[in-house]
N, C-alpha and C. Protein backbone atom coordinates (compact mmCIF):
# COMPACT_ATOMS: atom_id res chain seq x y z
N UNK A 1 56.45 112.52 66.80
CA UNK A 1 57.77 112.32 66.37
C UNK A 1 58.24 110.78 66.25
N UNK A 2 59.08 110.32 65.81
CA UNK A 2 59.23 108.59 65.09
C UNK A 2 60.48 108.48 65.63
N UNK A 3 60.61 107.78 66.28
CA UNK A 3 61.71 107.06 66.96
C UNK A 3 62.81 106.75 66.22
N UNK A 4 63.96 107.20 66.51
CA UNK A 4 64.98 107.00 65.43
C UNK A 4 65.85 105.78 65.25
N UNK A 5 66.55 105.27 64.12
CA UNK A 5 66.73 104.17 63.81
C UNK A 5 68.31 104.14 64.55
N UNK A 6 69.06 105.17 64.73
CA UNK A 6 70.25 105.35 64.97
C UNK A 6 70.59 104.43 66.54
N UNK A 7 69.88 104.15 67.15
CA UNK A 7 69.48 103.80 68.33
C UNK A 7 70.20 102.16 68.43
N UNK A 8 69.29 101.84 67.86
CA UNK A 8 69.36 99.93 67.64
C UNK A 8 70.43 100.00 66.55
N UNK A 9 71.09 100.63 65.97
CA UNK A 9 72.12 100.35 65.11
C UNK A 9 73.60 100.76 65.79
N UNK A 10 73.46 101.52 66.57
CA UNK A 10 74.27 102.13 67.05
C UNK A 10 74.72 100.74 68.76
N UNK A 11 74.13 100.57 68.96
CA UNK A 11 74.03 98.89 70.04
C UNK A 11 74.31 97.86 69.05
N UNK A 12 73.73 97.51 67.92
CA UNK A 12 74.54 96.27 67.73
C UNK A 12 75.82 96.67 66.65
N UNK A 13 76.45 98.24 66.59
CA UNK A 13 77.90 98.54 66.34
C UNK A 13 78.23 98.42 67.40
N UNK A 14 78.03 98.35 68.58
CA UNK A 14 78.80 99.10 69.93
C UNK A 14 78.94 96.88 70.90
N UNK A 15 77.99 96.30 70.47
CA UNK A 15 78.20 95.13 70.65
C UNK A 15 79.01 94.45 69.25
N UNK A 16 79.34 94.44 67.92
CA UNK A 16 80.17 93.93 67.12
C UNK A 16 81.54 94.46 67.81
N UNK A 17 81.48 95.53 68.31
CA UNK A 17 83.01 96.59 68.38
C UNK A 17 83.43 95.56 69.45
N UNK A 18 82.68 95.03 70.84
CA UNK A 18 82.76 94.99 72.01
C UNK A 18 83.50 92.89 71.21
N UNK A 19 82.58 92.42 70.61
CA UNK A 19 82.91 91.03 70.39
C UNK A 19 83.75 91.04 69.09
N UNK A 20 84.82 91.90 68.40
CA UNK A 20 85.78 91.90 67.75
C UNK A 20 86.93 92.24 68.97
N UNK A 21 86.82 93.09 70.10
CA UNK A 21 87.56 93.33 70.25
C UNK A 21 88.30 91.99 71.20
N UNK A 22 86.96 91.36 71.63
CA UNK A 22 87.16 90.58 72.53
C UNK A 22 88.34 89.35 71.63
N UNK A 23 87.83 89.17 70.47
CA UNK A 23 88.75 87.79 69.05
C UNK A 23 89.95 88.46 69.52
N UNK A 24 89.84 89.98 69.07
CA UNK A 24 91.22 90.40 68.92
C UNK A 24 92.27 89.75 70.47
N UNK A 25 91.98 90.26 71.63
CA UNK A 25 92.63 89.96 72.71
C UNK A 25 92.65 88.39 72.84
N UNK A 26 91.37 87.56 72.77
CA UNK A 26 91.69 86.20 72.49
C UNK A 26 92.52 85.45 71.58
N UNK A 27 92.64 86.15 70.66
CA UNK A 27 94.11 85.31 70.27
C UNK A 27 95.16 85.54 70.34
N UNK A 28 95.34 86.81 70.80
CA UNK A 28 96.66 87.16 71.25
C UNK A 28 96.86 86.24 72.56
N UNK A 29 96.23 85.68 73.08
CA UNK A 29 96.60 85.31 74.35
C UNK A 29 97.33 84.19 74.62
N UNK A 30 97.66 83.66 73.80
CA UNK A 30 98.84 81.88 73.42
C UNK A 30 100.24 83.60 73.48
N UNK A 31 100.46 84.55 72.92
CA UNK A 31 101.45 85.11 72.99
C UNK A 31 101.55 85.86 74.05
N UNK A 32 100.73 86.39 74.84
CA UNK A 32 100.44 86.90 75.97
C UNK A 32 100.47 85.83 77.47
N UNK A 33 100.60 84.91 77.24
CA UNK A 33 100.28 83.51 78.05
C UNK A 33 101.71 83.30 78.74
N UNK A 34 103.22 83.37 77.92
CA UNK A 34 104.23 82.89 78.06
C UNK A 34 104.54 84.82 78.64
N UNK A 35 104.01 85.75 79.37
CA UNK A 35 104.85 86.87 79.31
C UNK A 35 104.89 86.60 80.97
N UNK A 36 105.57 87.06 81.97
CA UNK A 36 105.21 87.37 83.24
C UNK A 36 103.96 87.77 83.37
N UNK A 37 103.46 87.32 84.91
CA UNK A 37 102.46 87.70 85.20
C UNK A 37 101.84 89.50 85.52
N UNK A 38 102.93 90.00 85.39
CA UNK A 38 102.72 91.23 86.02
C UNK A 38 102.52 91.94 84.83
N UNK A 39 103.74 91.38 83.41
CA UNK A 39 103.26 92.16 82.02
C UNK A 39 101.72 91.52 81.66
N UNK A 40 100.85 90.40 82.37
CA UNK A 40 99.96 89.83 81.50
C UNK A 40 99.03 91.11 81.93
N UNK A 41 99.37 90.84 83.83
CA UNK A 41 98.21 92.01 84.19
C UNK A 41 97.99 93.42 83.69
N UNK A 42 99.02 94.09 83.34
CA UNK A 42 99.05 95.42 82.46
C UNK A 42 98.53 95.20 80.67
N UNK A 43 98.87 94.03 80.26
CA UNK A 43 98.41 93.89 78.78
C UNK A 43 96.93 93.66 79.09
N UNK A 44 95.82 93.03 80.14
CA UNK A 44 95.04 92.50 80.46
C UNK A 44 93.98 93.73 80.67
N UNK A 45 94.78 95.05 81.74
CA UNK A 45 94.14 96.11 82.02
C UNK A 45 93.96 96.74 80.80
N UNK A 46 95.39 96.83 80.14
CA UNK A 46 94.94 98.02 79.31
C UNK A 46 94.00 97.69 78.06
N UNK A 47 94.01 96.35 77.79
CA UNK A 47 92.65 95.67 76.60
C UNK A 47 91.78 96.26 77.22
N UNK A 48 91.32 95.98 78.45
CA UNK A 48 89.96 96.03 79.36
C UNK A 48 89.53 97.81 78.87
N UNK A 49 90.60 98.57 79.00
CA UNK A 49 90.10 99.75 79.13
C UNK A 49 90.09 100.55 77.91
N UNK A 50 90.77 100.09 76.67
CA UNK A 50 90.82 100.69 75.74
C UNK A 50 89.74 100.62 74.55
N UNK A 51 89.08 99.73 74.63
CA UNK A 51 87.95 98.95 73.94
C UNK A 51 86.96 100.59 74.04
N UNK A 52 86.68 100.87 75.27
CA UNK A 52 86.38 102.27 75.44
C UNK A 52 85.91 103.44 74.25
N UNK A 53 87.43 103.75 74.45
CA UNK A 53 87.72 104.94 73.32
C UNK A 53 86.84 104.99 71.85
N UNK A 54 86.66 104.04 71.26
CA UNK A 54 85.96 104.24 69.85
C UNK A 54 84.42 104.04 70.27
N UNK A 55 84.00 104.21 71.47
CA UNK A 55 82.73 103.82 72.12
C UNK A 55 82.02 105.88 71.58
N UNK A 56 82.97 106.64 72.26
CA UNK A 56 82.28 107.93 72.26
C UNK A 56 81.79 108.86 70.61
N UNK A 57 82.55 108.64 69.51
CA UNK A 57 81.95 108.74 68.28
C UNK A 57 80.78 108.06 67.85
N UNK A 58 80.57 106.82 68.47
CA UNK A 58 79.44 105.71 68.01
C UNK A 58 77.90 106.60 69.25
N UNK A 59 78.72 106.45 70.42
CA UNK A 59 77.41 107.41 71.24
C UNK A 59 77.14 108.74 70.33
N UNK A 60 78.17 109.80 70.37
CA UNK A 60 77.43 110.88 70.11
C UNK A 60 76.55 110.63 68.20
N UNK A 61 76.78 110.03 68.08
CA UNK A 61 76.47 109.87 66.10
C UNK A 61 75.06 109.09 66.42
N UNK A 62 74.65 108.18 67.90
CA UNK A 62 73.60 107.85 68.34
C UNK A 62 72.28 108.47 68.59
N UNK A 63 73.05 109.74 69.40
CA UNK A 63 72.23 110.65 70.21
C UNK A 63 72.29 111.88 69.06
N UNK A 64 72.45 111.81 68.15
CA UNK A 64 72.07 113.20 66.87
C UNK A 64 70.71 112.81 66.24
C-alpha cells in the first residue's frame, strides 16, 4: 500500500487556510480596535471559531 499524497497536501492547505484567515482578521484589527471591548471580544471569539468550519471538507477529502 503506497502512502497517499492527500494527507501532506491537506495539511499544507490547512496551514494556508490558517495563515490567510489570520491575515484577514489582523487586517481588520484597525477597525475592530475602535469598538467597545465587549464587541471586540465577541468579534475575536467568533473569528477564532469560524475558521474551523472549512476544515471538515478538507479533512474528509484527506481521508478518502
